């Protein structure tokens, strides 16, 4: 993945923000595997920034749980224990059905059509055996639905969970070697069309926890 280097005239604040957002996206979508080591010097070279913006971007990502910083100063993507995966799966099981329920009254035909198109791109990623593309489309499917809930604080919490799990989710999807899009997505779409809130909650909960429990086992 090629990144455009920030202009030399760009302020340190703007350079830091661009680096933060790009690196955050990479981690969330599983472009970096668990335990991947990073250095401030390496990030600075790749993005054409000084040490200060690189250090500030890393500091923010460590605070969000997207990166870990050891006592020796080693920066890396998280390698989650089974207990931690179980905890994050429980958070998804609590928050995401609630977001879907709040989105249901605003789930009009245009939204359902958009979700179908995203699910199609997810199927294409499955056919390519593209775990990063799969994860990106999968999270886009959920985010597109949850945005209709109009609950920004709750969605921000969910995205923080996604961010912490990105590298591990890549590992999971690579291990599963899917041959088709998740069947629970079809159940979610059917529940949205029918206005079936209990069915929607069950489908979302099953979709966001099934694979994670396999990863934790």
Protein backbone atom coordinates (compact mmCIF):
# COMPACT_ATOMS: atom_id res chain seq x y z
CA UNK A 1 0.00 0.00 0.00
CA UNK A 2 1.55 3.27 -1.13
CA UNK A 3 1.07 6.39 0.96
CA UNK A 4 1.56 9.92 -0.24
CA UNK A 5 4.11 11.66 1.91
CA UNK A 6 2.90 14.83 3.60
CA UNK A 7 4.03 18.08 2.09
CA UNK A 8 7.08 19.51 3.75
CA UNK A 9 5.12 22.73 4.34
CA UNK A 10 2.42 20.89 6.28
CA UNK A 11 2.25 21.70 9.98
CA UNK A 12 3.34 19.09 12.55
CA UNK A 13 -0.29 18.91 13.74
CA UNK A 14 -1.58 18.10 10.24
CA UNK A 15 1.22 15.57 9.64
CA UNK A 16 0.42 13.88 12.95
CA UNK A 17 -3.29 13.72 12.16
CA UNK A 18 -2.70 12.15 8.73
CA UNK A 19 -0.31 9.58 10.16
CA UNK A 20 -2.69 8.78 13.01
CA UNK A 21 -5.68 8.24 10.73
CA UNK A 22 -3.78 6.16 8.17
CA UNK A 23 -2.16 3.93 10.78
CA UNK A 24 -5.44 3.60 12.66
CA UNK A 25 -7.17 2.44 9.49
CA UNK A 26 -4.41 -0.09 8.76
CA UNK A 27 -4.73 -1.60 12.22
CA UNK A 28 -8.54 -1.70 12.27
CA UNK A 29 -8.74 -3.41 8.89
CA UNK A 30 -6.11 -6.00 9.73
CA UNK A 31 -3.41 -4.78 7.36
CA UNK A 32 -0.90 -5.39 10.16
CA UNK A 33 -0.70 -8.84 11.79
CA UNK A 34 -0.65 -9.41 15.57
CA UNK A 35 2.72 -8.67 17.14
CA UNK A 36 3.98 -6.52 14.24
CA UNK A 37 6.83 -4.29 15.46
CA UNK A 38 6.88 -0.59 14.55
CA UNK A 39 9.45 2.11 15.18
CA UNK A 40 9.11 5.88 15.30
CA UNK A 41 12.02 6.20 12.90
CA UNK A 42 10.44 3.74 10.46
CA UNK A 43 7.08 5.52 10.58
CA UNK A 44 8.80 8.84 10.08
CA UNK A 45 10.61 7.57 6.98
CA UNK A 46 7.50 5.95 5.49
CA UNK A 47 5.25 8.97 5.97
CA UNK A 48 7.86 11.69 5.51
CA UNK A 49 7.35 13.20 8.97
CA UNK A 50 9.61 14.05 11.87
CA UNK A 51 9.79 12.08 15.10
CA UNK A 52 7.35 14.40 16.90
CA UNK A 53 4.24 13.69 14.75
CA UNK A 54 5.13 9.98 14.71
CA UNK A 55 5.46 9.92 18.50
CA UNK A 56 2.14 11.74 19.00
CA UNK A 57 0.26 9.41 16.60
CA UNK A 58 1.66 6.36 18.38
CA UNK A 59 0.78 7.82 21.77
CA UNK A 60 -2.87 8.21 20.73
CA UNK A 61 -3.04 4.69 19.31
CA UNK A 62 -1.50 3.21 22.45
CA UNK A 63 -4.15 5.03 24.50
CA UNK A 64 -6.87 3.46 22.33
CA UNK A 65 -5.43 -0.03 22.71
CA UNK A 66 -4.56 -0.23 19.01
CA UNK A 67 -0.82 -0.49 19.77
CA UNK A 68 1.11 -1.74 22.76
CA UNK A 69 4.18 -0.10 24.28
CA UNK A 70 6.42 -2.34 26.37
CA UNK A 71 8.55 -1.24 29.30
CA UNK A 72 11.57 -1.43 26.99
CA UNK A 73 9.89 0.94 24.51
CA UNK A 74 8.95 -1.67 21.88
CA UNK A 75 5.91 -0.63 19.85
CA UNK A 76 3.77 -3.38 18.35
CA UNK A 77 0.26 -4.37 17.34
CA UNK A 78 -1.57 -6.26 20.10
CA UNK A 79 -1.42 -10.02 20.51
CA UNK A 80 -4.64 -10.71 22.38
CA UNK A 81 -5.03 -13.45 24.96
CA UNK A 82 -8.07 -15.75 24.87
CA UNK A 83 -9.44 -13.93 27.91
CA UNK A 84 -9.09 -10.55 26.21
CA UNK A 85 -10.77 -11.80 23.04
CA UNK A 86 -13.64 -13.17 25.12
CA UNK A 87 -14.01 -9.83 26.87
CA UNK A 88 -14.10 -7.88 23.61
CA UNK A 89 -16.55 -10.39 22.11
CA UNK A 90 -18.86 -9.76 25.07
CA UNK A 91 -18.66 -6.02 24.45
CA UNK A 92 -19.61 -6.51 20.81
CA UNK A 93 -22.49 -8.78 21.85
CA UNK A 94 -23.81 -6.07 24.18
CA UNK A 95 -23.32 -2.97 22.06
CA UNK A 96 -23.91 -4.01 18.48
CA UNK A 97 -27.38 -5.57 18.86
CA UNK A 98 -28.43 -2.38 20.66
CA UNK A 99 -27.10 -0.22 17.82
CA UNK A 100 -28.90 -2.35 15.25
CA UNK A 101 -32.13 -2.08 17.23
CA UNK A 102 -31.85 1.71 17.32
CA UNK A 103 -31.12 1.74 13.59
CA UNK A 104 -34.15 -0.38 12.67
CA UNK A 105 -36.75 2.45 12.57
CA UNK A 106 -34.55 4.28 10.04
CA UNK A 107 -33.69 1.20 7.95
CA UNK A 108 -35.39 2.25 4.73
CA UNK A 109 -35.07 0.57 1.33
CA UNK A 110 -32.05 2.65 0.30
CA UNK A 111 -30.09 1.50 3.36
CA UNK A 112 -30.94 -2.15 2.77
CA UNK A 113 -29.87 -1.82 -0.86
CA UNK A 114 -26.58 -0.26 0.24
CA UNK A 115 -25.98 -3.11 2.68
CA UNK A 116 -26.65 -5.65 -0.08
CA UNK A 117 -24.01 -3.99 -2.26
CA UNK A 118 -21.48 -4.06 0.57
CA UNK A 119 -22.27 -7.73 1.15
CA UNK A 120 -21.59 -8.37 -2.53
CA UNK A 121 -18.15 -6.78 -2.23
CA UNK A 122 -17.58 -8.95 0.84
CA UNK A 123 -18.41 -12.04 -1.23
CA UNK A 124 -15.92 -10.91 -3.87
CA UNK A 125 -13.23 -10.63 -1.18
CA UNK A 126 -14.07 -14.18 -0.08
CA UNK A 127 -13.62 -15.41 -3.65
CA UNK A 128 -10.20 -13.71 -3.80
CA UNK A 129 -9.26 -15.14 -0.38
CA UNK A 130 -8.54 -11.53 0.59
CA UNK A 131 -8.71 -11.43 4.39
CA UNK A 132 -8.02 -7.68 4.60
CA UNK A 133 -10.68 -6.90 1.99
CA UNK A 134 -13.07 -9.21 3.82
CA UNK A 135 -12.51 -7.46 7.13
CA UNK A 136 -12.85 -4.00 5.56
CA UNK A 137 -16.17 -4.89 3.87
CA UNK A 138 -17.46 -6.66 6.96
CA UNK A 139 -16.85 -3.65 9.18
CA UNK A 140 -18.29 -1.34 6.53
CA UNK A 141 -21.47 -3.45 6.53
CA UNK A 142 -21.87 -3.06 10.28
CA UNK A 143 -20.84 0.60 10.41
CA UNK A 144 -23.29 1.55 7.63
CA UNK A 145 -26.12 -0.01 9.62
CA UNK A 146 -25.05 1.41 12.98
CA UNK A 147 -24.73 4.96 11.66
CA UNK A 148 -28.53 4.91 11.30
CA UNK A 149 -28.82 4.45 15.05
CA UNK A 150 -27.71 8.07 15.57
CA UNK A 151 -25.83 7.03 18.72
CA UNK A 152 -22.32 8.43 18.17
CA UNK A 153 -20.96 7.69 21.65
CA UNK A 154 -22.00 4.05 21.42
CA UNK A 155 -20.60 3.71 17.90
CA UNK A 156 -17.30 5.24 19.02
CA UNK A 157 -17.05 2.55 21.72
CA UNK A 158 -17.70 -0.18 19.16
CA UNK A 159 -15.07 1.22 16.81
CA UNK A 160 -12.53 1.19 19.63
CA UNK A 161 -13.25 -2.53 20.09
CA UNK A 162 -12.86 -3.10 16.34
CA UNK A 163 -9.57 -1.21 16.43
CA UNK A 164 -8.15 -3.35 19.22
CA UNK A 165 -9.21 -6.53 17.44
CA UNK A 166 -8.14 -5.67 13.88
CA UNK A 167 -4.89 -7.71 13.75
CA UNK A 168 -6.51 -10.68 15.50
CA UNK A 169 -9.54 -10.54 13.20
CA UNK A 170 -7.23 -10.77 10.20
CA UNK A 171 -5.73 -13.90 11.73
CA UNK A 172 -9.20 -15.33 12.31
CA UNK A 173 -10.43 -14.77 8.76
CA UNK A 174 -7.23 -16.22 7.34
CA UNK A 175 -7.75 -19.30 9.49
CA UNK A 176 -11.43 -19.77 8.64
CA UNK A 177 -10.82 -19.78 4.86
CA UNK A 178 -14.43 -18.88 4.10
CA UNK A 179 -16.05 -19.82 0.82
CA UNK A 180 -19.06 -17.51 1.11
CA UNK A 181 -20.20 -14.33 2.86
CA UNK A 182 -21.45 -14.77 6.45
CA UNK A 183 -24.93 -16.29 6.48
CA UNK A 184 -25.82 -14.05 9.41
CA UNK A 185 -25.59 -11.05 7.09
CA UNK A 186 -28.45 -12.54 5.07
CA UNK A 187 -30.38 -12.97 8.33
CA UNK A 188 -29.68 -9.33 9.24
CA UNK A 189 -30.97 -8.15 5.87
CA UNK A 190 -34.08 -10.32 6.17
CA UNK A 191 -34.81 -8.97 9.65
CA UNK A 192 -34.39 -5.39 8.43
CA UNK A 193 -36.84 -5.97 5.58
CA UNK A 194 -39.37 -7.54 7.95
CA UNK A 195 -38.92 -4.95 10.70
CA UNK A 196 -38.14 -7.87 13.03
CA UNK A 197 -36.27 -6.40 16.01
CA UNK A 198 -35.79 -9.64 18.02
CA UNK A 199 -34.59 -11.42 14.87
CA UNK A 200 -32.24 -8.55 14.06
CA UNK A 201 -30.71 -8.58 17.54
CA UNK A 202 -30.17 -12.35 17.40
CA UNK A 203 -28.61 -12.20 13.93
CA UNK A 204 -26.23 -9.38 14.85
CA UNK A 205 -25.21 -11.03 18.11
CA UNK A 206 -24.50 -14.33 16.35
CA UNK A 207 -22.58 -12.61 13.57
CA UNK A 208 -20.24 -10.65 15.83
CA UNK A 209 -19.50 -13.41 18.34
CA UNK A 210 -19.36 -16.73 16.48
CA UNK A 211 -15.95 -16.29 14.89
CA UNK A 212 -14.44 -14.56 17.90
CA UNK A 213 -15.25 -17.46 20.17
CA UNK A 214 -13.50 -19.75 17.69
CA UNK A 215 -10.45 -17.50 17.87
CA UNK A 216 -10.51 -17.55 21.69
CA UNK A 217 -10.78 -21.33 21.88
